Amino acid sequence: MAALTRLAKPSFAPHSPISYLSRCLYSGLGSEPSSHAAASYSPHLGPKPSLSVKDPKDRNVQWVFLGSPGVGKGTYASRLSNLLGVPHIATGDLVREELAASGPLSQQLSEIVNQGKLVSDEIIINLLSKRLEAGEAKGELGFILDGFPRTIRQAEILEGVTDIDLVLNLKLREDVLLEKCLGRRTCSQCGGNFNVASINVKGSNGSPAISMAPLLPPQHCMSKLVTRADDTEEVIKHRIDIYNEKSRPVEEFYRSRGKLLEFDLPGGIPESWPKLLEILDLDDYKEQQSAAA
C-alpha cells in the first residue's frame, strides 16, 4: 500500500519480497511507542478526533475497529467500507481464508482457532502484509482494519509504518455478546453471515435495556446454515477473557494518543447504524444510510 511504503523506514524497499510489516516485526520497529500528546474522547466529553470524510476525494481513511468478539466490528466496518469506498480488511477473514486454502498453516491455525486462542503476531502480520501488498498492487488507498491490532506489540508495529486516523471502539454488554455469538450462523453454500438470536435484555444497574432482532437469511439459505466451530459457549467466554486481558490495553494505547472514539451500541443495526454515522460526523448521514444498507 502506498501509505505504508511512504511512511516505512527508508531501508525498507517498497517492493521487497519481505513485506513491510513482517520486516518491522523482525527488526524490532515499534518496540518503543512514539510520543504523542495525551488526550481522550468519549461521545459526550473531551476533545474529539479529527475526521476528514466529508468530501469523497478525501475518503482514503485509515481506521481501526476495536471491540470484543461478536460485538459487530465486521458488520459496521463493512458498511462503512461500502459507504467510504475503502477496503475492509478483517484479520479473522484472512485466517479463515488460510484455513480454507489448506496451506502449510492450516492445521496449526485450526488448533489455535478451535481452542479460542489468539493467533501469534508473526502469523497475523504475515497474513495482513500479504493482503495489504495485494491491495497496493490493485491501487487500493486507505483501509478499515478489523481485528488488528489486538496487542500493544501489534499496535506499536502498525504505528511504526503508518498513521492511523481514527480508532473506533465498539462496546456491548458481555451477556449480550455471548447471546450474539451463540446465534451466529453462516450459509454453507453462499457464505453469507446471519444471526438467529432474538435478544431482549432488561436494563439493570444503570445499564439500558437492549433489543436486537435476528438477522435471518433468505428462505433458500435456511436449510444450509452452519455454526462456526469456535462458536461454543466455553470458547466464546474464553475469547472474551483473552480480549479483556490482551486487547483492552490497546484501547488505552490509542486513547493516550487522542485517537480513540468509543461507541456503546444502543441495539441492533436499525438503532445503531444511524447513530454511528452521526457520531462519525458524516454531515449527510441521513441521506447516506441507504447507500451502505
Protein backbone atom coordinates (compact mmCIF):
# COMPACT_ATOMS: atom_id res chain seq x y z
CA MET A 1 0.00 0.00 0.00
CA ALA A 2 1.28 3.43 -0.92
CA ALA A 3 0.80 4.85 2.57
CA LEU A 4 2.81 2.06 4.11
CA THR A 5 5.55 2.48 1.50
CA ARG A 6 5.73 6.20 2.07
CA LEU A 7 5.92 6.01 5.85
CA ALA A 8 8.12 2.95 6.26
CA LYS A 9 11.75 3.36 7.21
CA PRO A 10 13.90 4.22 4.15
CA SER A 11 15.83 0.95 4.44
CA PHE A 12 12.64 -0.99 3.62
CA ALA A 13 12.50 -1.27 -0.16
CA PRO A 14 8.92 -0.58 -1.40
CA HIS A 15 8.74 -3.79 -3.42
CA SER A 16 10.85 -6.04 -1.25
CA PRO A 17 9.69 -9.66 -1.29
CA ILE A 18 9.66 -9.43 2.51
CA SER A 19 6.65 -7.36 3.47
CA TYR A 20 6.83 -4.09 5.32
CA LEU A 21 5.03 -5.28 8.42
CA SER A 22 6.97 -8.54 8.59
CA ARG A 23 10.27 -6.69 8.39
CA CYS A 24 9.07 -4.37 11.15
CA LEU A 25 8.24 -7.38 13.29
CA TYR A 26 11.65 -9.00 12.93
CA SER A 27 13.70 -5.78 13.05
CA GLY A 28 12.03 -4.56 16.24
CA LEU A 29 10.44 -1.44 14.78
CA GLY A 30 7.73 -0.25 17.10
CA SER A 31 9.29 -1.66 20.27
CA GLU A 32 9.32 1.85 21.67
CA PRO A 33 6.00 3.70 21.41
CA SER A 34 6.01 7.11 19.80
CA SER A 35 5.47 10.20 21.89
CA HIS A 36 2.13 11.92 21.40
CA ALA A 37 0.15 14.46 23.39
CA ALA A 38 -2.19 12.55 25.70
CA ALA A 39 -5.88 13.09 25.15
CA SER A 40 -9.07 11.08 25.42
CA TYR A 41 -12.50 11.19 23.88
CA SER A 42 -15.93 9.81 24.55
CA PRO A 43 -19.10 10.65 22.64
CA HIS A 44 -20.05 13.06 25.40
CA LEU A 45 -16.85 14.52 26.82
CA GLY A 46 -13.41 15.69 25.83
CA PRO A 47 -11.64 16.61 22.58
CA LYS A 48 -12.76 14.64 19.57
CA PRO A 49 -10.52 13.01 16.96
CA SER A 50 -10.43 14.96 13.72
CA LEU A 51 -12.42 13.29 10.93
CA SER A 52 -11.93 14.10 7.25
CA VAL A 53 -14.59 12.13 5.44
CA LYS A 54 -16.94 14.82 4.12
CA ASP A 55 -15.55 15.08 0.58
CA PRO A 56 -15.37 11.83 -1.43
CA LYS A 57 -11.87 12.64 -2.64
CA ASP A 58 -10.68 12.75 0.99
CA ARG A 59 -12.18 9.41 1.99
CA ASN A 60 -9.00 7.34 1.82
CA VAL A 61 -9.28 6.85 5.56
CA GLN A 62 -7.03 4.66 7.68
CA TRP A 63 -9.22 3.44 10.51
CA VAL A 64 -9.02 0.66 13.09
CA PHE A 65 -12.02 -1.10 14.63
CA LEU A 66 -11.68 -2.45 18.18
CA GLY A 67 -14.19 -4.40 20.24
CA SER A 68 -14.83 -7.74 21.90
CA PRO A 69 -15.57 -10.85 19.83
CA GLY A 70 -19.12 -10.73 18.50
CA VAL A 71 -19.65 -7.01 19.05
CA GLY A 72 -20.27 -6.35 15.36
CA LYS A 73 -16.93 -4.99 14.11
CA GLY A 74 -17.27 -6.80 10.79
CA THR A 75 -20.84 -5.66 10.21
CA TYR A 76 -20.23 -1.96 10.78
CA ALA A 77 -16.75 -1.91 9.23
CA SER A 78 -18.18 -3.49 6.08
CA ARG A 79 -20.97 -0.94 5.86
CA LEU A 80 -18.56 1.96 6.31
CA SER A 81 -16.24 0.38 3.76
CA ASN A 82 -19.05 0.45 1.19
CA LEU A 83 -20.00 3.98 2.16
CA LEU A 84 -16.49 5.45 2.00
CA GLY A 85 -15.11 3.37 -0.83
CA VAL A 86 -12.14 1.92 1.10
CA PRO A 87 -11.34 -1.77 1.65
CA HIS A 88 -12.50 -3.53 4.79
CA ILE A 89 -9.69 -5.82 5.93
CA ALA A 90 -10.70 -8.30 8.63
CA THR A 91 -7.87 -10.41 10.01
CA GLY A 92 -10.42 -13.01 11.11
CA ASP A 93 -11.42 -13.43 7.47
CA LEU A 94 -7.75 -13.70 6.46
CA VAL A 95 -7.30 -16.52 8.98
CA ARG A 96 -10.43 -18.34 7.75
CA GLU A 97 -9.28 -17.97 4.12
CA GLU A 98 -5.95 -19.52 5.07
CA LEU A 99 -7.77 -22.35 6.82
CA ALA A 100 -9.93 -22.98 3.76
CA ALA A 101 -6.89 -22.97 1.48
CA SER A 102 -5.41 -25.98 3.32
CA GLY A 103 -1.95 -24.47 3.13
CA PRO A 104 1.01 -25.10 5.43
CA LEU A 105 -0.54 -23.03 8.21
CA SER A 106 -3.96 -24.63 8.02
CA GLN A 107 -3.57 -27.34 10.69
CA GLN A 108 -1.76 -25.03 13.10
CA LEU A 109 -4.39 -22.32 12.69
CA SER A 110 -7.22 -24.83 13.09
CA GLU A 111 -5.95 -25.89 16.51
CA ILE A 112 -5.49 -22.28 17.63
CA VAL A 113 -8.92 -21.07 16.43
CA ASN A 114 -10.89 -24.05 17.77
CA GLN A 115 -9.40 -23.51 21.22
CA GLY A 116 -10.29 -19.81 21.17
CA LYS A 117 -6.65 -18.72 21.42
CA LEU A 118 -5.07 -15.66 19.82
CA VAL A 119 -3.14 -16.26 16.63
CA SER A 120 0.51 -15.23 17.05
CA ASP A 121 1.78 -11.81 15.97
CA GLU A 122 4.03 -13.43 13.37
CA ILE A 123 1.18 -15.26 11.62
CA ILE A 124 -1.28 -12.36 11.72
CA ILE A 125 1.27 -9.82 10.50
CA ASN A 126 2.34 -12.06 7.63
CA LEU A 127 -1.28 -12.60 6.55
CA LEU A 128 -2.05 -8.88 6.84
CA SER A 129 1.11 -7.95 4.95
CA LYS A 130 0.15 -10.17 2.03
CA ARG A 131 -3.33 -8.62 1.94
CA LEU A 132 -2.01 -5.03 2.04
CA GLU A 133 0.53 -5.73 -0.68
CA ALA A 134 -2.16 -7.31 -2.87
CA GLY A 135 -4.29 -4.21 -2.33
CA GLU A 136 -1.40 -1.94 -3.19
CA ALA A 137 -0.88 -3.81 -6.45
CA LYS A 138 -4.57 -3.15 -7.29
CA GLY A 139 -4.24 0.56 -6.46
CA GLU A 140 -6.18 0.50 -3.20
CA LEU A 141 -5.88 3.55 -0.98
CA GLY A 142 -6.89 3.60 2.67
CA PHE A 143 -8.37 0.81 4.76
CA ILE A 144 -10.58 -0.11 7.67
CA LEU A 145 -8.78 -2.70 9.79
CA ASP A 146 -10.95 -5.10 11.76
CA GLY A 147 -9.26 -7.42 14.28
CA PHE A 148 -5.84 -5.79 14.16
CA PRO A 149 -4.09 -4.67 16.26
CA ARG A 150 -5.04 -6.91 19.19
CA THR A 151 -1.94 -6.40 21.31
CA ILE A 152 0.27 -3.48 22.29
CA ARG A 153 3.08 -5.04 20.26
CA GLN A 154 0.92 -5.10 17.13
CA ALA A 155 -0.22 -1.50 17.75
CA GLU A 156 3.39 -0.32 18.07
CA ILE A 157 4.37 -2.08 14.85
CA LEU A 158 1.40 -0.58 12.99
CA GLU A 159 2.23 2.87 14.37
CA GLY A 160 5.76 2.49 13.05
CA VAL A 161 4.66 2.12 9.42
CA THR A 162 1.51 4.20 9.02
CA ASP A 163 -0.53 6.93 10.70
CA ILE A 164 -3.94 5.71 11.84
CA ASP A 165 -6.59 8.45 11.62
CA LEU A 166 -9.19 7.03 13.99
CA VAL A 167 -9.72 4.02 16.26
CA LEU A 168 -13.39 3.15 16.75
CA ASN A 169 -14.07 1.07 19.86
CA LEU A 170 -17.45 -0.71 19.73
CA LYS A 171 -18.83 -1.67 23.13
CA LEU A 172 -21.60 -4.02 24.24
CA ARG A 173 -22.53 -5.80 27.46
CA GLU A 174 -20.88 -9.20 27.82
CA ASP A 175 -24.14 -11.08 28.38
CA VAL A 176 -25.42 -9.68 25.09
CA LEU A 177 -22.11 -10.50 23.38
CA LEU A 178 -22.46 -14.13 24.43
CA GLU A 179 -26.01 -14.39 23.07
CA LYS A 180 -24.97 -12.78 19.80
CA CYS A 181 -22.03 -15.13 19.29
CA LEU A 182 -24.11 -18.21 20.06
CA GLY A 183 -26.65 -17.06 17.46
CA ARG A 184 -24.17 -16.61 14.61
CA ARG A 185 -24.71 -18.76 11.52
CA THR A 186 -23.09 -18.98 8.08
CA CYS A 187 -24.68 -20.30 4.89
CA SER A 188 -22.57 -23.22 3.74
CA GLN A 189 -23.48 -22.50 0.13
CA CYS A 190 -23.30 -18.71 -0.37
CA GLY A 191 -21.07 -17.88 2.60
CA GLY A 192 -23.47 -15.24 3.94
CA ASN A 193 -23.38 -14.38 7.64
CA PHE A 194 -26.59 -14.35 9.67
CA ASN A 195 -27.76 -14.42 13.28
CA VAL A 196 -30.71 -16.37 14.66
CA ALA A 197 -30.60 -14.87 18.16
CA SER A 198 -33.52 -12.71 19.28
CA ILE A 199 -32.13 -10.61 22.12
CA ASN A 200 -34.24 -8.73 24.65
CA VAL A 201 -32.23 -7.83 27.74
CA LYS A 202 -33.77 -5.73 30.50
CA GLY A 203 -31.90 -2.77 31.88
CA SER A 204 -30.16 -3.20 35.23
CA ASN A 205 -27.66 -1.37 37.45
CA GLY A 206 -27.80 1.73 35.28
CA SER A 207 -27.38 -0.19 32.02
CA PRO A 208 -30.12 0.43 29.44
CA ALA A 209 -32.28 -2.32 28.01
CA ILE A 210 -31.07 -3.73 24.70
CA SER A 211 -33.14 -5.34 21.96
CA MET A 212 -31.69 -6.94 18.84
CA ALA A 213 -33.82 -8.63 16.23
CA PRO A 214 -32.44 -11.73 14.50
CA LEU A 215 -30.72 -11.26 11.16
CA LEU A 216 -32.36 -14.15 9.30
CA PRO A 217 -31.26 -15.49 5.91
CA PRO A 218 -33.45 -15.75 2.81
CA GLN A 219 -35.57 -18.90 2.69
CA HIS A 220 -33.25 -20.75 0.31
CA CYS A 221 -30.39 -20.45 2.84
CA MET A 222 -32.33 -21.60 5.91
CA SER A 223 -31.54 -25.30 5.49
CA LYS A 224 -27.87 -24.61 4.80
CA LEU A 225 -26.98 -22.70 7.96
CA VAL A 226 -23.98 -23.92 9.92
CA THR A 227 -22.37 -22.82 13.18
CA ARG A 228 -18.72 -21.84 13.33
CA ALA A 229 -16.59 -24.47 15.09
CA ASP A 230 -15.37 -21.89 17.62
CA ASP A 231 -18.84 -20.53 18.48
CA THR A 232 -19.38 -22.60 21.63
CA GLU A 233 -20.14 -21.02 24.99
CA GLU A 234 -16.86 -22.19 26.51
CA VAL A 235 -14.73 -20.91 23.63
CA ILE A 236 -16.62 -17.61 23.36
CA LYS A 237 -16.19 -16.86 27.08
CA HIS A 238 -12.51 -17.74 26.77
CA ARG A 239 -12.12 -15.41 23.79
CA ILE A 240 -13.76 -12.57 25.70
CA ASP A 241 -11.44 -13.19 28.66
CA ILE A 242 -8.44 -13.11 26.33
CA TYR A 243 -9.71 -9.89 24.78
CA ASN A 244 -10.07 -8.26 28.18
CA GLU A 245 -6.56 -9.30 29.13
CA LYS A 246 -4.68 -8.63 25.89
CA SER A 247 -6.63 -6.13 23.84
CA ARG A 248 -8.04 -3.62 26.29
CA PRO A 249 -4.57 -2.20 26.86
CA VAL A 250 -4.67 -1.39 23.13
CA GLU A 251 -7.66 0.85 23.86
CA GLU A 252 -5.52 2.78 26.35
CA PHE A 253 -2.68 2.92 23.81
CA TYR A 254 -4.89 4.78 21.34
CA ARG A 255 -6.76 6.77 23.99
CA SER A 256 -3.44 8.26 25.12
CA ARG A 257 -2.87 9.38 21.52
CA GLY A 258 -6.25 11.08 21.23
CA LYS A 259 -7.43 8.68 18.51
CA LEU A 260 -9.96 6.53 20.37
CA LEU A 261 -13.67 7.02 19.71
CA GLU A 262 -15.89 4.87 21.95
CA PHE A 263 -19.36 3.89 20.82
CA ASP A 264 -21.82 1.99 23.02
CA LEU A 265 -24.15 0.08 20.71
CA PRO A 266 -27.73 1.05 21.63
CA GLY A 267 -29.26 -2.03 19.96
CA GLY A 268 -29.25 -3.81 16.63
CA ILE A 269 -28.39 -2.41 13.21
CA PRO A 270 -31.55 -0.27 12.80
CA GLU A 271 -30.83 1.56 16.08
CA SER A 272 -27.03 1.64 15.92
CA TRP A 273 -26.21 2.41 12.28
CA PRO A 274 -27.70 5.94 12.07
CA LYS A 275 -26.21 6.87 15.46
CA LEU A 276 -22.81 5.59 14.37
CA LEU A 277 -22.91 7.70 11.20
CA GLU A 278 -23.90 10.71 13.28
CA ILE A 279 -21.07 10.27 15.76
CA LEU A 280 -18.61 9.95 12.87
CA ASP A 281 -19.62 13.44 11.69
CA LEU A 282 -20.85 12.42 8.27
CA ASP A 283 -22.89 15.58 7.68
CA ASP A 284 -25.18 13.92 5.17
CA TYR A 285 -25.53 10.71 7.17
CA LYS A 286 -29.33 10.61 6.88
CA GLU A 287 -29.12 10.52 3.10
CA GLN A 288 -26.27 8.02 3.16
CA GLN A 289 -27.89 5.45 5.42
CA SER A 290 -29.39 3.64 2.43
CA ALA A 291 -26.13 3.73 0.46
CA ALA A 292 -24.45 1.14 2.67
CA ALA A 293 -27.53 -0.82 3.71
